[in-house]
Structures are given as structure tokens and as C-alpha cells.
Amino acid sequence: MKYASAPDLRRTFAVRLKRSGMPPDLIQQLMRHADFQTTQKYYLCDTIQEDTGRIREILADDPQSVPYSGSHSRSHIS
């Protein structure tokens, strides 16, 4: 049987708030962090892959978006 530690429960709480669409500044307040960087570094970093997927979905729905070329060069954007 696996036991959850207090940090595990806090992380789950923060990630669930983020996934529900709660604004990051409110998550920071609920986590009682004085600095948003603490919230971001320890509790919201696990959602980066999900956020990337959401951004791609939004851009795919936007006919004005520029397709991703796989490079970091912006020379193809006019």
C-alpha cells in the first residue's frame, strides 16, 4: 500500500486547482506562498505538457496561426 505524504497531497491539490481553470494567483494564495515562483516551481510545473497540448489545440482552431516548423527561428513569420 502506498501512502501519500503531506507534500503529495499539497501538490495534488494545486494541480487539481490548475486543471479546473483556477487563476495561478489564486492558487498561490490558497497554497499560502509569498512568492508565485514557489507555486510555479513546486506545484504547477507538472502541467506543462497539458498546457502545451491546450495551446496547440487553440492554435489549430485559429486559421490565422502560423504552423510550427520545429525550429526556433522566426524568420518565416512576416
PDB file of N, CA and C in Angstrom:
ATOM      1  N   MET A   1       0.847  -1.174   0.000  1.00  0.00           N
ATOM      2  CA  MET A   1       0.000   0.000   0.000  1.00  0.00           C
ATOM      3  C   MET A   1       0.895   1.242   0.000  1.00  0.00           C
ATOM      4  N   LYS A   2       0.598   2.184  -0.878  1.00  0.00           N
ATOM      5  CA  LYS A   2       1.358   3.422  -0.955  1.00  0.00           C
ATOM      6  C   LYS A   2       0.672   4.489  -0.106  1.00  0.00           C
ATOM      7  N   TYR A   3       1.462   5.197   0.664  1.00  0.00           N
ATOM      8  CA  TYR A   3       0.950   6.268   1.493  1.00  0.00           C
ATOM      9  C   TYR A   3       1.294   7.605   0.862  1.00  0.00           C
ATOM     10  N   ALA A   4       0.410   8.552   0.986  1.00  0.00           N
ATOM     11  CA  ALA A   4       0.643   9.899   0.459  1.00  0.00           C
ATOM     12  C   ALA A   4       1.200  10.770   1.578  1.00  0.00           C
ATOM     13  N   SER A   5       2.255  11.496   1.244  1.00  0.00           N
ATOM     14  CA  SER A   5       2.832  12.426   2.209  1.00  0.00           C
ATOM     15  C   SER A   5       2.088  13.756   2.119  1.00  0.00           C
ATOM     16  N   ALA A   6       2.349  14.627   3.061  1.00  0.00           N
ATOM     17  CA  ALA A   6       1.739  15.963   3.038  1.00  0.00           C
ATOM     18  C   ALA A   6       2.106  16.711   1.753  1.00  0.00           C
ATOM     19  N   PRO A   7       3.382  16.687   1.312  1.00  0.00           N
ATOM     20  CA  PRO A   7       3.699  17.357   0.044  1.00  0.00           C
ATOM     21  C   PRO A   7       2.951  16.748  -1.161  1.00  0.00           C
ATOM     22  N   ASP A   8       2.748  15.430  -1.146  1.00  0.00           N
ATOM     23  CA  ASP A   8       1.976  14.790  -2.218  1.00  0.00           C
ATOM     24  C   ASP A   8       0.551  15.341  -2.267  1.00  0.00           C
ATOM     25  N   LEU A   9      -0.053  15.485  -1.108  1.00  0.00           N
ATOM     26  CA  LEU A   9      -1.429  15.990  -1.040  1.00  0.00           C
ATOM     27  C   LEU A   9      -1.506  17.453  -1.466  1.00  0.00           C
ATOM     28  N   ARG A  10      -0.531  18.244  -1.057  1.00  0.00           N
ATOM     29  CA  ARG A  10      -0.495  19.658  -1.472  1.00  0.00           C
ATOM     30  C   ARG A  10      -0.341  19.772  -2.984  1.00  0.00           C
ATOM     31  N   ARG A  11       0.551  18.970  -3.553  1.00  0.00           N
ATOM     32  CA  ARG A  11       0.779  19.003  -4.991  1.00  0.00           C
ATOM     33  C   ARG A  11      -0.498  18.606  -5.735  1.00  0.00           C
ATOM     34  N   THR A  12      -1.163  17.561  -5.280  1.00  0.00           N
ATOM     35  CA  THR A  12      -2.412  17.130  -5.904  1.00  0.00           C
ATOM     36  C   THR A  12      -3.454  18.236  -5.840  1.00  0.00           C
ATOM     37  N   PHE A  13      -3.561  18.886  -4.700  1.00  0.00           N
ATOM     38  CA  PHE A  13      -4.497  19.991  -4.529  1.00  0.00           C
ATOM     39  C   PHE A  13      -4.213  21.103  -5.538  1.00  0.00           C
ATOM     40  N   ALA A  14      -2.949  21.514  -5.642  1.00  0.00           N
ATOM     41  CA  ALA A  14      -2.584  22.603  -6.549  1.00  0.00           C
ATOM     42  C   ALA A  14      -2.817  22.229  -8.005  1.00  0.00           C
ATOM     43  N   VAL A  15      -2.430  21.021  -8.384  1.00  0.00           N
ATOM     44  CA  VAL A  15      -2.612  20.586  -9.773  1.00  0.00           C
ATOM     45  C   VAL A  15      -4.094  20.501 -10.120  1.00  0.00           C
ATOM     46  N   ARG A  16      -4.904  20.016  -9.216  1.00  0.00           N
ATOM     47  CA  ARG A  16      -6.349  19.946  -9.489  1.00  0.00           C
ATOM     48  C   ARG A  16      -6.969  21.332  -9.620  1.00  0.00           C
ATOM     49  N   LEU A  17      -6.498  22.270  -8.822  1.00  0.00           N
ATOM     50  CA  LEU A  17      -6.977  23.643  -8.957  1.00  0.00           C
ATOM     51  C   LEU A  17      -6.600  24.191 -10.328  1.00  0.00           C
ATOM     52  N   LYS A  18      -5.352  23.953 -10.737  1.00  0.00           N
ATOM     53  CA  LYS A  18      -4.873  24.432 -12.043  1.00  0.00           C
ATOM     54  C   LYS A  18      -5.686  23.821 -13.170  1.00  0.00           C
ATOM     55  N   ARG A  19      -5.916  22.515 -13.114  1.00  0.00           N
ATOM     56  CA  ARG A  19      -6.676  21.818 -14.165  1.00  0.00           C
ATOM     57  C   ARG A  19      -8.127  22.282 -14.223  1.00  0.00           C
ATOM     58  N   SER A  20      -8.645  22.754 -13.108  1.00  0.00           N
ATOM     59  CA  SER A  20     -10.032  23.222 -13.093  1.00  0.00           C
ATOM     60  C   SER A  20     -10.157  24.630 -13.672  1.00  0.00           C
ATOM     61  N   GLY A  21      -9.008  25.262 -13.960  1.00  0.00           N
ATOM     62  CA  GLY A  21      -9.037  26.581 -14.552  1.00  0.00           C
ATOM     63  C   GLY A  21      -8.869  27.726 -13.572  1.00  0.00           C
ATOM     64  N   MET A  22      -8.532  27.417 -12.345  1.00  0.00           N
ATOM     65  CA  MET A  22      -8.346  28.472 -11.344  1.00  0.00           C
ATOM     66  C   MET A  22      -7.136  29.332 -11.708  1.00  0.00           C
ATOM     67  N   PRO A  23      -7.251  30.639 -11.573  1.00  0.00           N
ATOM     68  CA  PRO A  23      -6.123  31.527 -11.888  1.00  0.00           C
ATOM     69  C   PRO A  23      -4.912  31.239 -10.990  1.00  0.00           C
ATOM     70  N   PRO A  24      -3.713  31.296 -11.579  1.00  0.00           N
ATOM     71  CA  PRO A  24      -2.497  30.983 -10.813  1.00  0.00           C
ATOM     72  C   PRO A  24      -2.304  31.837  -9.567  1.00  0.00           C
ATOM     73  N   ASP A  25      -2.699  33.109  -9.612  1.00  0.00           N
ATOM     74  CA  ASP A  25      -2.512  33.948  -8.421  1.00  0.00           C
ATOM     75  C   ASP A  25      -3.396  33.491  -7.269  1.00  0.00           C
ATOM     76  N   LEU A  26      -4.568  32.976  -7.575  1.00  0.00           N
ATOM     77  CA  LEU A  26      -5.446  32.457  -6.523  1.00  0.00           C
ATOM     78  C   LEU A  26      -4.888  31.145  -5.963  1.00  0.00           C
ATOM     79  N   ILE A  27      -4.319  30.318  -6.843  1.00  0.00           N
ATOM     80  CA  ILE A  27      -3.670  29.089  -6.369  1.00  0.00           C
ATOM     81  C   ILE A  27      -2.543  29.449  -5.407  1.00  0.00           C
ATOM     82  N   GLN A  28      -1.771  30.457  -5.762  1.00  0.00           N
ATOM     83  CA  GLN A  28      -0.683  30.916  -4.890  1.00  0.00           C
ATOM     84  C   GLN A  28      -1.224  31.294  -3.514  1.00  0.00           C
ATOM     85  N   GLN A  29      -2.317  32.036  -3.496  1.00  0.00           N
ATOM     86  CA  GLN A  29      -2.896  32.450  -2.209  1.00  0.00           C
ATOM     87  C   GLN A  29      -3.378  31.253  -1.409  1.00  0.00           C
ATOM     88  N   LEU A  30      -4.046  30.319  -2.074  1.00  0.00           N
ATOM     89  CA  LEU A  30      -4.555  29.140  -1.366  1.00  0.00           C
ATOM     90  C   LEU A  30      -3.432  28.252  -0.839  1.00  0.00           C
ATOM     91  N   MET A  31      -2.303  28.238  -1.557  1.00  0.00           N
ATOM     92  CA  MET A  31      -1.155  27.457  -1.111  1.00  0.00           C
ATOM     93  C   MET A  31      -0.358  28.206  -0.039  1.00  0.00           C
ATOM     94  N   ARG A  32      -0.715  29.478   0.171  1.00  0.00           N
ATOM     95  CA  ARG A  32      -0.084  30.334   1.173  1.00  0.00           C
ATOM     96  C   ARG A  32       1.403  30.567   0.887  1.00  0.00           C
ATOM     97  N   HIS A  33       1.700  30.792  -0.393  1.00  0.00           N
ATOM     98  CA  HIS A  33       3.068  31.112  -0.806  1.00  0.00           C
ATOM     99  C   HIS A  33       3.209  32.615  -0.943  1.00  0.00           C
ATOM    100  N   ALA A  34       4.264  33.163  -0.386  1.00  0.00           N
ATOM    101  CA  ALA A  34       4.519  34.600  -0.507  1.00  0.00           C
ATOM    102  C   ALA A  34       4.964  34.956  -1.918  1.00  0.00           C
ATOM    103  N   ASP A  35       5.638  34.011  -2.595  1.00  0.00           N
ATOM    104  CA  ASP A  35       6.186  34.255  -3.921  1.00  0.00           C
ATOM    105  C   ASP A  35       5.571  33.274  -4.919  1.00  0.00           C
ATOM    106  N   PHE A  36       5.086  33.793  -6.049  1.00  0.00           N
ATOM    107  CA  PHE A  36       4.472  32.922  -7.058  1.00  0.00           C
ATOM    108  C   PHE A  36       5.473  31.907  -7.602  1.00  0.00           C
ATOM    109  N   GLN A  37       6.752  32.254  -7.637  1.00  0.00           N
ATOM    110  CA  GLN A  37       7.760  31.326  -8.163  1.00  0.00           C
ATOM    111  C   GLN A  37       7.773  30.008  -7.380  1.00  0.00           C
ATOM    112  N   THR A  38       7.487  30.060  -6.106  1.00  0.00           N
ATOM    113  CA  THR A  38       7.414  28.832  -5.301  1.00  0.00           C
ATOM    114  C   THR A  38       6.274  27.962  -5.790  1.00  0.00           C
ATOM    115  N   THR A  39       5.126  28.560  -6.012  1.00  0.00           N
ATOM    116  CA  THR A  39       3.970  27.815  -6.507  1.00  0.00           C
ATOM    117  C   THR A  39       4.291  27.204  -7.859  1.00  0.00           C
ATOM    118  N   GLN A  40       4.847  28.000  -8.747  1.00  0.00           N
ATOM    119  CA  GLN A  40       5.163  27.543 -10.094  1.00  0.00           C
ATOM    120  C   GLN A  40       6.183  26.409 -10.072  1.00  0.00           C
ATOM    121  N   LYS A  41       7.241  26.573  -9.331  1.00  0.00           N
ATOM    122  CA  LYS A  41       8.347  25.613  -9.333  1.00  0.00           C
ATOM    123  C   LYS A  41       7.959  24.258  -8.756  1.00  0.00           C
ATOM    124  N   TYR A  42       7.254  24.268  -7.645  1.00  0.00           N
ATOM    125  CA  TYR A  42       6.997  23.017  -6.953  1.00  0.00           C
ATOM    126  C   TYR A  42       5.629  22.393  -7.205  1.00  0.00           C
ATOM    127  N   TYR A  43       4.683  23.196  -7.659  1.00  0.00           N
ATOM    128  CA  TYR A  43       3.323  22.653  -7.740  1.00  0.00           C
ATOM    129  C   TYR A  43       2.680  22.719  -9.114  1.00  0.00           C
ATOM    130  N   LEU A  44       3.087  23.635  -9.964  1.00  0.00           N
ATOM    131  CA  LEU A  44       2.419  23.768 -11.251  1.00  0.00           C
ATOM    132  C   LEU A  44       3.264  23.305 -12.424  1.00  0.00           C
ATOM    133  N   CYS A  45       4.489  22.916 -12.175  1.00  0.00           N
ATOM    134  CA  CYS A  45       5.376  22.514 -13.267  1.00  0.00           C
ATOM    135  C   CYS A  45       4.925  21.210 -13.918  1.00  0.00           C
ATOM    136  N   ASP A  46       4.186  20.367 -13.220  1.00  0.00           N
ATOM    137  CA  ASP A  46       3.746  19.088 -13.778  1.00  0.00           C
ATOM    138  C   ASP A  46       2.698  19.242 -14.870  1.00  0.00           C
ATOM    139  N   THR A  47       2.141  20.414 -15.026  1.00  0.00           N
ATOM    140  CA  THR A  47       1.079  20.592 -16.015  1.00  0.00           C
ATOM    141  C   THR A  47       1.588  21.198 -17.317  1.00  0.00           C
ATOM    142  N   ILE A  48       2.886  21.328 -17.476  1.00  0.00           N
ATOM    143  CA  ILE A  48       3.440  21.949 -18.679  1.00  0.00           C
ATOM    144  C   ILE A  48       3.039  21.181 -19.929  1.00  0.00           C
ATOM    145  N   GLN A  49       3.108  19.864 -19.908  1.00  0.00           N
ATOM    146  CA  GLN A  49       2.716  19.069 -21.074  1.00  0.00           C
ATOM    147  C   GLN A  49       1.251  19.295 -21.423  1.00  0.00           C
ATOM    148  N   GLU A  50       0.399  19.342 -20.424  1.00  0.00           N
ATOM    149  CA  GLU A  50      -1.020  19.597 -20.672  1.00  0.00           C
ATOM    150  C   GLU A  50      -1.230  20.987 -21.256  1.00  0.00           C
ATOM    151  N   ASP A  51      -0.532  21.974 -20.705  1.00  0.00           N
ATOM    152  CA  ASP A  51      -0.657  23.340 -21.199  1.00  0.00           C
ATOM    153  C   ASP A  51      -0.209  23.429 -22.651  1.00  0.00           C
ATOM    154  N   THR A  52       0.867  22.738 -22.993  1.00  0.00           N
ATOM    155  CA  THR A  52       1.357  22.735 -24.368  1.00  0.00           C
ATOM    156  C   THR A  52       0.308  22.146 -25.296  1.00  0.00           C
ATOM    157  N   GLY A  53      -0.311  21.059 -24.870  1.00  0.00           N
ATOM    158  CA  GLY A  53      -1.370  20.449 -25.684  1.00  0.00           C
ATOM    159  C   GLY A  53      -2.545  21.383 -25.884  1.00  0.00           C
ATOM    160  N   ARG A  54      -2.938  22.099 -24.848  1.00  0.00           N
ATOM    161  CA  ARG A  54      -4.046  23.046 -24.961  1.00  0.00           C
ATOM    162  C   ARG A  54      -3.708  24.184 -25.922  1.00  0.00           C
ATOM    163  N   ILE A  55      -2.474  24.672 -25.845  1.00  0.00           N
ATOM    164  CA  ILE A  55      -2.046  25.747 -26.741  1.00  0.00           C
ATOM    165  C   ILE A  55      -2.091  25.268 -28.184  1.00  0.00           C
ATOM    166  N   ARG A  56      -1.609  24.069 -28.434  1.00  0.00           N
ATOM    167  CA  ARG A  56      -1.652  23.526 -29.807  1.00  0.00           C
ATOM    168  C   ARG A  56      -3.086  23.394 -30.301  1.00  0.00           C
ATOM    169  N   GLU A  57      -3.999  22.954 -29.433  1.00  0.00           N
ATOM    170  CA  GLU A  57      -5.408  22.845 -29.828  1.00  0.00           C
ATOM    171  C   GLU A  57      -5.982  24.209 -30.184  1.00  0.00           C
ATOM    172  N   ILE A  58      -5.684  25.200 -29.386  1.00  0.00           N
ATOM    173  CA  ILE A  58      -6.186  26.557 -29.648  1.00  0.00           C
ATOM    174  C   ILE A  58      -5.642  27.074 -30.974  1.00  0.00           C
ATOM    175  N   LEU A  59      -4.342  26.895 -31.185  1.00  0.00           N
ATOM    176  CA  LEU A  59      -3.739  27.373 -32.424  1.00  0.00           C
ATOM    177  C   LEU A  59      -4.255  26.593 -33.637  1.00  0.00           C
ATOM    178  N   ALA A  60      -4.551  25.329 -33.471  1.00  0.00           N
ATOM    179  CA  ALA A  60      -5.080  24.529 -34.579  1.00  0.00           C
ATOM    180  C   ALA A  60      -6.453  25.025 -34.991  1.00  0.00           C
ATOM    181  N   ASP A  61      -7.216  25.557 -34.046  1.00  0.00           N
ATOM    182  CA  ASP A  61      -8.545  26.091 -34.342  1.00  0.00           C
ATOM    183  C   ASP A  61      -8.490  27.482 -34.943  1.00  0.00           C
ATOM    184  N   ASP A  62      -7.315  28.129 -34.892  1.00  0.00           N
ATOM    185  CA  ASP A  62      -7.157  29.502 -35.373  1.00  0.00           C
ATOM    186  C   ASP A  62      -6.585  29.489 -36.788  1.00  0.00           C
ATOM    187  N   PRO A  63      -7.378  29.850 -37.797  1.00  0.00           N
ATOM    188  CA  PRO A  63      -6.881  29.818 -39.173  1.00  0.00           C
ATOM    189  C   PRO A  63      -5.768  30.827 -39.434  1.00  0.00           C
ATOM    190  N   GLN A  64      -5.595  31.815 -38.560  1.00  0.00           N
ATOM    191  CA  GLN A  64      -4.552  32.828 -38.729  1.00  0.00           C
ATOM    192  C   GLN A  64      -3.217  32.383 -38.137  1.00  0.00           C
ATOM    193  N   SER A  65      -3.194  31.251 -37.436  1.00  0.00           N
ATOM    194  CA  SER A  65      -1.966  30.837 -36.771  1.00  0.00           C
ATOM    195  C   SER A  65      -0.942  30.333 -37.782  1.00  0.00           C
ATOM    196  N   VAL A  66       0.322  30.485 -37.410  1.00  0.00           N
ATOM    197  CA  VAL A  66       1.427  30.035 -38.245  1.00  0.00           C
ATOM    198  C   VAL A  66       1.781  28.625 -37.812  1.00  0.00           C
ATOM    199  N   PRO A  67       1.887  27.665 -38.756  1.00  0.00           N
ATOM    200  CA  PRO A  67       2.214  26.288 -38.364  1.00  0.00           C
ATOM    201  C   PRO A  67       3.598  26.190 -37.751  1.00  0.00           C
ATOM    202  N   TYR A  68       3.740  25.288 -36.823  1.00  0.00           N
ATOM    203  CA  TYR A  68       5.014  25.074 -36.137  1.00  0.00           C
ATOM    204  C   TYR A  68       5.976  24.382 -37.084  1.00  0.00           C
ATOM    205  N   SER A  69       7.158  24.956 -37.272  1.00  0.00           N
ATOM    206  CA  SER A  69       8.135  24.402 -38.208  1.00  0.00           C
ATOM    207  C   SER A  69       9.167  23.510 -37.528  1.00  0.00           C
ATOM    208  N   GLY A  70       9.164  23.480 -36.220  1.00  0.00           N
ATOM    209  CA  GLY A  70      10.113  22.652 -35.496  1.00  0.00           C
ATOM    210  C   GLY A  70      11.412  23.367 -35.165  1.00  0.00           C
ATOM    211  N   SER A  71      11.577  24.594 -35.636  1.00  0.00           N
ATOM    212  CA  SER A  71      12.775  25.354 -35.310  1.00  0.00           C
ATOM    213  C   SER A  71      12.392  26.557 -34.478  1.00  0.00           C
ATOM    214  N   HIS A  72      13.362  27.180 -33.871  1.00  0.00           N
ATOM    215  CA  HIS A  72      13.102  28.354 -33.050  1.00  0.00           C
ATOM    216  C   HIS A  72      13.237  29.636 -33.851  1.00  0.00           C
ATOM    217  N   SER A  73      13.581  29.516 -35.114  1.00  0.00           N
ATOM    218  CA  SER A  73      13.749  30.695 -35.956  1.00  0.00           C
ATOM    219  C   SER A  73      12.408  31.301 -36.281  1.00  0.00           C
ATOM    220  N   ARG A  74      12.338  32.611 -36.259  1.00  0.00           N
ATOM    221  CA  ARG A  74      11.105  33.306 -36.587  1.00  0.00           C
ATOM    222  C   ARG A  74      11.201  33.993 -37.945  1.00  0.00           C
ATOM    223  N   SER A  75      12.182  33.637 -38.720  1.00  0.00           N
ATOM    224  CA  SER A  75      12.393  34.292 -39.991  1.00  0.00           C
ATOM    225  C   SER A  75      11.265  34.027 -40.984  1.00  0.00           C
ATOM    226  N   HIS A  76      10.483  32.942 -40.781  1.00  0.00           N
ATOM    227  CA  HIS A  76       9.395  32.616 -41.692  1.00  0.00           C
ATOM    228  C   HIS A  76       8.125  33.394 -41.403  1.00  0.00           C
ATOM    229  N   ILE A  77       8.094  34.137 -40.314  1.00  0.00           N
ATOM    230  CA  ILE A  77       6.904  34.919 -39.944  1.00  0.00           C
ATOM    231  C   ILE A  77       7.038  36.314 -40.530  1.00  0.00           C
ATOM    232  N   SER A  78       6.012  36.722 -41.279  1.00  0.00           N
ATOM    233  CA  SER A  78       6.075  38.071 -41.863  1.00  0.00           C
ATOM    234  C   SER A  78       5.138  39.019 -41.175  1.00  0.00           C
TER     235      SER A  78
END
